[in-house]
Amino acid sequence: MSLAQSNDLPATEPVYVQGGIKRTLLQEVPLSDEFMLNVSIIEVPAGTHASPHTHPGIETGYVLDGEFDLAVEGRPDQRVKVGGSYAVPVDAVHFAKVRGEKTLKVLCFFAVNKSEPLATVDDKSA
């Protein structure tokens, strides 16, 4: 499948994970036999946070609405607001702490190993 063909894929139904967190898959694009690009909208309610977790690849994102503190193990928290972007390294334990009164809405790109789950909750931190 070419990249151009992947744009014709319809958005899937939202998937709810980690309580009230809503994930809407927009596209899955094969990058190689081993890797894929997952493009999703992630929504996290105000005043909540995601569980510490990892991804089998790189996560990058662009904040569409709301703001959050990105907590990545071994780094100081990073405040990310509307129009801001971020990147999380492969297998880094991380989570979002939503600030303010708005639901966080992020356009996320995951370049991941397709033979592994997209996200795995970190049992040591959970």
C-alpha atoms as a PDB file:
ATOM      1  CA  MET A   1       0.000   0.000   0.000  1.00  0.00           C
ATOM      2  CA  SER A   2       1.384   3.403  -0.915  1.00  0.00           C
ATOM      3  CA  LEU A   3       1.208   6.462   1.276  1.00  0.00           C
ATOM      4  CA  ALA A   4      -1.265   8.081  -1.132  1.00  0.00           C
ATOM      5  CA  GLN A   5      -3.610   5.112  -0.877  1.00  0.00           C
ATOM      6  CA  SER A   6      -3.546   5.249   2.921  1.00  0.00           C
ATOM      7  CA  ASN A   7      -5.143   8.715   2.832  1.00  0.00           C
ATOM      8  CA  ASP A   8      -8.301   7.085   1.527  1.00  0.00           C
ATOM      9  CA  LEU A   9      -8.770   5.017   4.679  1.00  0.00           C
ATOM     10  CA  PRO A  10     -11.772   6.053   6.779  1.00  0.00           C
ATOM     11  CA  ALA A  11     -11.286   7.003  10.425  1.00  0.00           C
ATOM     12  CA  THR A  12     -12.159   4.156  12.754  1.00  0.00           C
ATOM     13  CA  GLU A  13     -14.475   4.303  15.725  1.00  0.00           C
ATOM     14  CA  PRO A  14     -12.887   5.782  18.854  1.00  0.00           C
ATOM     15  CA  VAL A  15     -11.249   3.335  21.224  1.00  0.00           C
ATOM     16  CA  TYR A  16     -11.482   4.091  24.935  1.00  0.00           C
ATOM     17  CA  VAL A  17      -8.447   3.190  27.031  1.00  0.00           C
ATOM     18  CA  GLN A  18      -7.235   4.021  30.536  1.00  0.00           C
ATOM     19  CA  GLY A  19     -10.594   5.177  31.839  1.00  0.00           C
ATOM     20  CA  GLY A  20     -11.935   8.236  30.044  1.00  0.00           C
ATOM     21  CA  ILE A  21      -9.081   8.584  27.542  1.00  0.00           C
ATOM     22  CA  LYS A  22     -10.352   8.498  23.976  1.00  0.00           C
ATOM     23  CA  ARG A  23      -8.170   7.409  21.062  1.00  0.00           C
ATOM     24  CA  THR A  24      -9.426   7.878  17.493  1.00  0.00           C
ATOM     25  CA  LEU A  25      -7.342   6.074  14.894  1.00  0.00           C
ATOM     26  CA  LEU A  26      -7.064   8.176  11.728  1.00  0.00           C
ATOM     27  CA  GLN A  27      -4.573   6.084   9.706  1.00  0.00           C
ATOM     28  CA  GLU A  28      -2.171   3.204   9.851  1.00  0.00           C
ATOM     29  CA  VAL A  29       0.562   3.480   7.240  1.00  0.00           C
ATOM     30  CA  PRO A  30       3.014   0.619   6.613  1.00  0.00           C
ATOM     31  CA  LEU A  31       6.600   1.883   6.705  1.00  0.00           C
ATOM     32  CA  SER A  32       8.346  -1.470   6.227  1.00  0.00           C
ATOM     33  CA  ASP A  33       7.796  -5.145   7.011  1.00  0.00           C
ATOM     34  CA  GLU A  34       8.492  -4.357  10.670  1.00  0.00           C
ATOM     35  CA  PHE A  35       7.267  -0.806  11.257  1.00  0.00           C
ATOM     36  CA  MET A  36       4.111   1.244  10.810  1.00  0.00           C
ATOM     37  CA  LEU A  37       2.983   4.808  11.354  1.00  0.00           C
ATOM     38  CA  ASN A  38      -0.130   5.153  13.519  1.00  0.00           C
ATOM     39  CA  VAL A  39      -1.833   8.556  13.330  1.00  0.00           C
ATOM     40  CA  SER A  40      -4.408   9.197  16.056  1.00  0.00           C
ATOM     41  CA  ILE A  41      -6.276  11.895  17.928  1.00  0.00           C
ATOM     42  CA  ILE A  42      -5.882  11.383  21.686  1.00  0.00           C
ATOM     43  CA  GLU A  43      -8.285  13.115  24.100  1.00  0.00           C
ATOM     44  CA  VAL A  44      -7.655  13.163  27.853  1.00  0.00           C
ATOM     45  CA  PRO A  45     -10.212  14.814  30.195  1.00  0.00           C
ATOM     46  CA  ALA A  46      -9.199  17.877  32.223  1.00  0.00           C
ATOM     47  CA  GLY A  47      -7.813  17.140  35.668  1.00  0.00           C
ATOM     48  CA  THR A  48      -6.735  13.583  34.811  1.00  0.00           C
ATOM     49  CA  HIS A  49      -3.625  11.832  33.586  1.00  0.00           C
ATOM     50  CA  ALA A  50      -2.710   8.778  31.588  1.00  0.00           C
ATOM     51  CA  SER A  51      -1.059   5.828  33.305  1.00  0.00           C
ATOM     52  CA  PRO A  52       2.722   5.625  32.894  1.00  0.00           C
ATOM     53  CA  HIS A  53       3.330   3.641  29.703  1.00  0.00           C
ATOM     54  CA  THR A  54       5.739   2.938  26.840  1.00  0.00           C
ATOM     55  CA  HIS A  55       5.543   2.564  23.060  1.00  0.00           C
ATOM     56  CA  PRO A  56       7.650   0.233  20.854  1.00  0.00           C
ATOM     57  CA  GLY A  57       8.778   3.207  18.802  1.00  0.00           C
ATOM     58  CA  ILE A  58       8.821   6.995  18.716  1.00  0.00           C
ATOM     59  CA  GLU A  59       5.789   9.119  19.651  1.00  0.00           C
ATOM     60  CA  THR A  60       5.478  12.698  18.449  1.00  0.00           C
ATOM     61  CA  GLY A  61       2.500  14.955  18.924  1.00  0.00           C
ATOM     62  CA  TYR A  62       0.960  18.341  18.263  1.00  0.00           C
ATOM     63  CA  VAL A  63      -1.446  19.883  20.800  1.00  0.00           C
ATOM     64  CA  LEU A  64      -4.760  20.895  19.204  1.00  0.00           C
ATOM     65  CA  ASP A  65      -6.536  21.949  22.432  1.00  0.00           C
ATOM     66  CA  GLY A  66      -5.785  22.131  26.148  1.00  0.00           C
ATOM     67  CA  GLU A  67      -2.382  21.832  27.766  1.00  0.00           C
ATOM     68  CA  PHE A  68      -0.431  19.239  29.689  1.00  0.00           C
ATOM     69  CA  ASP A  69       2.784  18.417  31.446  1.00  0.00           C
ATOM     70  CA  LEU A  70       4.649  15.614  29.703  1.00  0.00           C
ATOM     71  CA  ALA A  71       6.344  13.433  32.304  1.00  0.00           C
ATOM     72  CA  VAL A  72       9.160  11.317  30.836  1.00  0.00           C
ATOM     73  CA  GLU A  73      11.201   9.142  33.177  1.00  0.00           C
ATOM     74  CA  GLY A  74      14.607  10.702  33.866  1.00  0.00           C
ATOM     75  CA  ARG A  75      13.650  14.163  32.539  1.00  0.00           C
ATOM     76  CA  PRO A  76      12.025  17.251  34.064  1.00  0.00           C
ATOM     77  CA  ASP A  77       8.337  17.641  33.167  1.00  0.00           C
ATOM     78  CA  GLN A  78       7.723  19.597  29.958  1.00  0.00           C
ATOM     79  CA  ARG A  79       4.677  21.933  29.719  1.00  0.00           C
ATOM     80  CA  VAL A  80       3.087  21.668  26.258  1.00  0.00           C
ATOM     81  CA  LYS A  81       0.315  24.083  25.187  1.00  0.00           C
ATOM     82  CA  VAL A  82      -1.870  24.570  22.098  1.00  0.00           C
ATOM     83  CA  GLY A  83       0.353  24.750  19.041  1.00  0.00           C
ATOM     84  CA  GLY A  84       3.218  23.032  20.834  1.00  0.00           C
ATOM     85  CA  SER A  85       4.789  19.732  19.899  1.00  0.00           C
ATOM     86  CA  TYR A  86       6.802  17.064  21.665  1.00  0.00           C
ATOM     87  CA  ALA A  87       8.641  13.780  21.101  1.00  0.00           C
ATOM     88  CA  VAL A  88       9.015  10.709  23.307  1.00  0.00           C
ATOM     89  CA  PRO A  89      11.908   8.289  22.676  1.00  0.00           C
ATOM     90  CA  VAL A  90      11.452   4.577  21.989  1.00  0.00           C
ATOM     91  CA  ASP A  91      10.409   2.592  25.108  1.00  0.00           C
ATOM     92  CA  ALA A  92      10.569   5.666  27.411  1.00  0.00           C
ATOM     93  CA  VAL A  93       8.178   5.472  30.377  1.00  0.00           C
ATOM     94  CA  HIS A  94       5.972   8.570  30.137  1.00  0.00           C
ATOM     95  CA  PHE A  95       2.514  10.018  30.743  1.00  0.00           C
ATOM     96  CA  ALA A  96       0.491  13.215  30.348  1.00  0.00           C
ATOM     97  CA  LYS A  97      -0.769  15.294  33.299  1.00  0.00           C
ATOM     98  CA  VAL A  98      -3.632  17.424  31.937  1.00  0.00           C
ATOM     99  CA  ARG A  99      -3.673  21.016  33.249  1.00  0.00           C
ATOM    100  CA  GLY A 100      -6.440  23.608  33.223  1.00  0.00           C
ATOM    101  CA  GLU A 101     -10.131  23.100  32.603  1.00  0.00           C
ATOM    102  CA  LYS A 102     -10.018  21.928  28.972  1.00  0.00           C
ATOM    103  CA  THR A 103      -9.816  18.395  27.670  1.00  0.00           C
ATOM    104  CA  LEU A 104      -6.429  17.754  26.106  1.00  0.00           C
ATOM    105  CA  LYS A 105      -6.654  16.983  22.385  1.00  0.00           C
ATOM    106  CA  VAL A 106      -3.442  15.883  20.665  1.00  0.00           C
ATOM    107  CA  LEU A 107      -2.683  14.760  17.121  1.00  0.00           C
ATOM    108  CA  CYS A 108      -0.256  11.878  17.745  1.00  0.00           C
ATOM    109  CA  PHE A 109       2.107  10.057  15.415  1.00  0.00           C
ATOM    110  CA  PHE A 110       3.499   6.706  16.527  1.00  0.00           C
ATOM    111  CA  ALA A 111       6.287   5.152  14.381  1.00  0.00           C
ATOM    112  CA  VAL A 112       6.265   1.717  15.982  1.00  0.00           C
ATOM    113  CA  ASN A 113       7.147  -1.934  15.602  1.00  0.00           C
ATOM    114  CA  LYS A 114       3.891  -3.435  14.330  1.00  0.00           C
ATOM    115  CA  SER A 115       4.498  -6.822  15.982  1.00  0.00           C
ATOM    116  CA  GLU A 116       4.159  -5.230  19.454  1.00  0.00           C
ATOM    117  CA  PRO A 117       1.217  -3.533  21.218  1.00  0.00           C
ATOM    118  CA  LEU A 118       0.975   0.201  20.515  1.00  0.00           C
ATOM    119  CA  ALA A 119       1.166   0.986  24.250  1.00  0.00           C
ATOM    120  CA  THR A 120       2.099  -1.022  27.322  1.00  0.00           C
ATOM    121  CA  VAL A 121       1.318   0.193  30.849  1.00  0.00           C
ATOM    122  CA  ASP A 122       4.471   0.301  32.951  1.00  0.00           C
ATOM    123  CA  ASP A 123       3.773  -2.087  35.846  1.00  0.00           C
ATOM    124  CA  LYS A 124       6.608  -0.619  37.944  1.00  0.00           C
ATOM    125  CA  SER A 125       5.048   2.867  37.857  1.00  0.00           C
ATOM    126  CA  ALA A 126       1.341   2.031  37.706  1.00  0.00           C
END
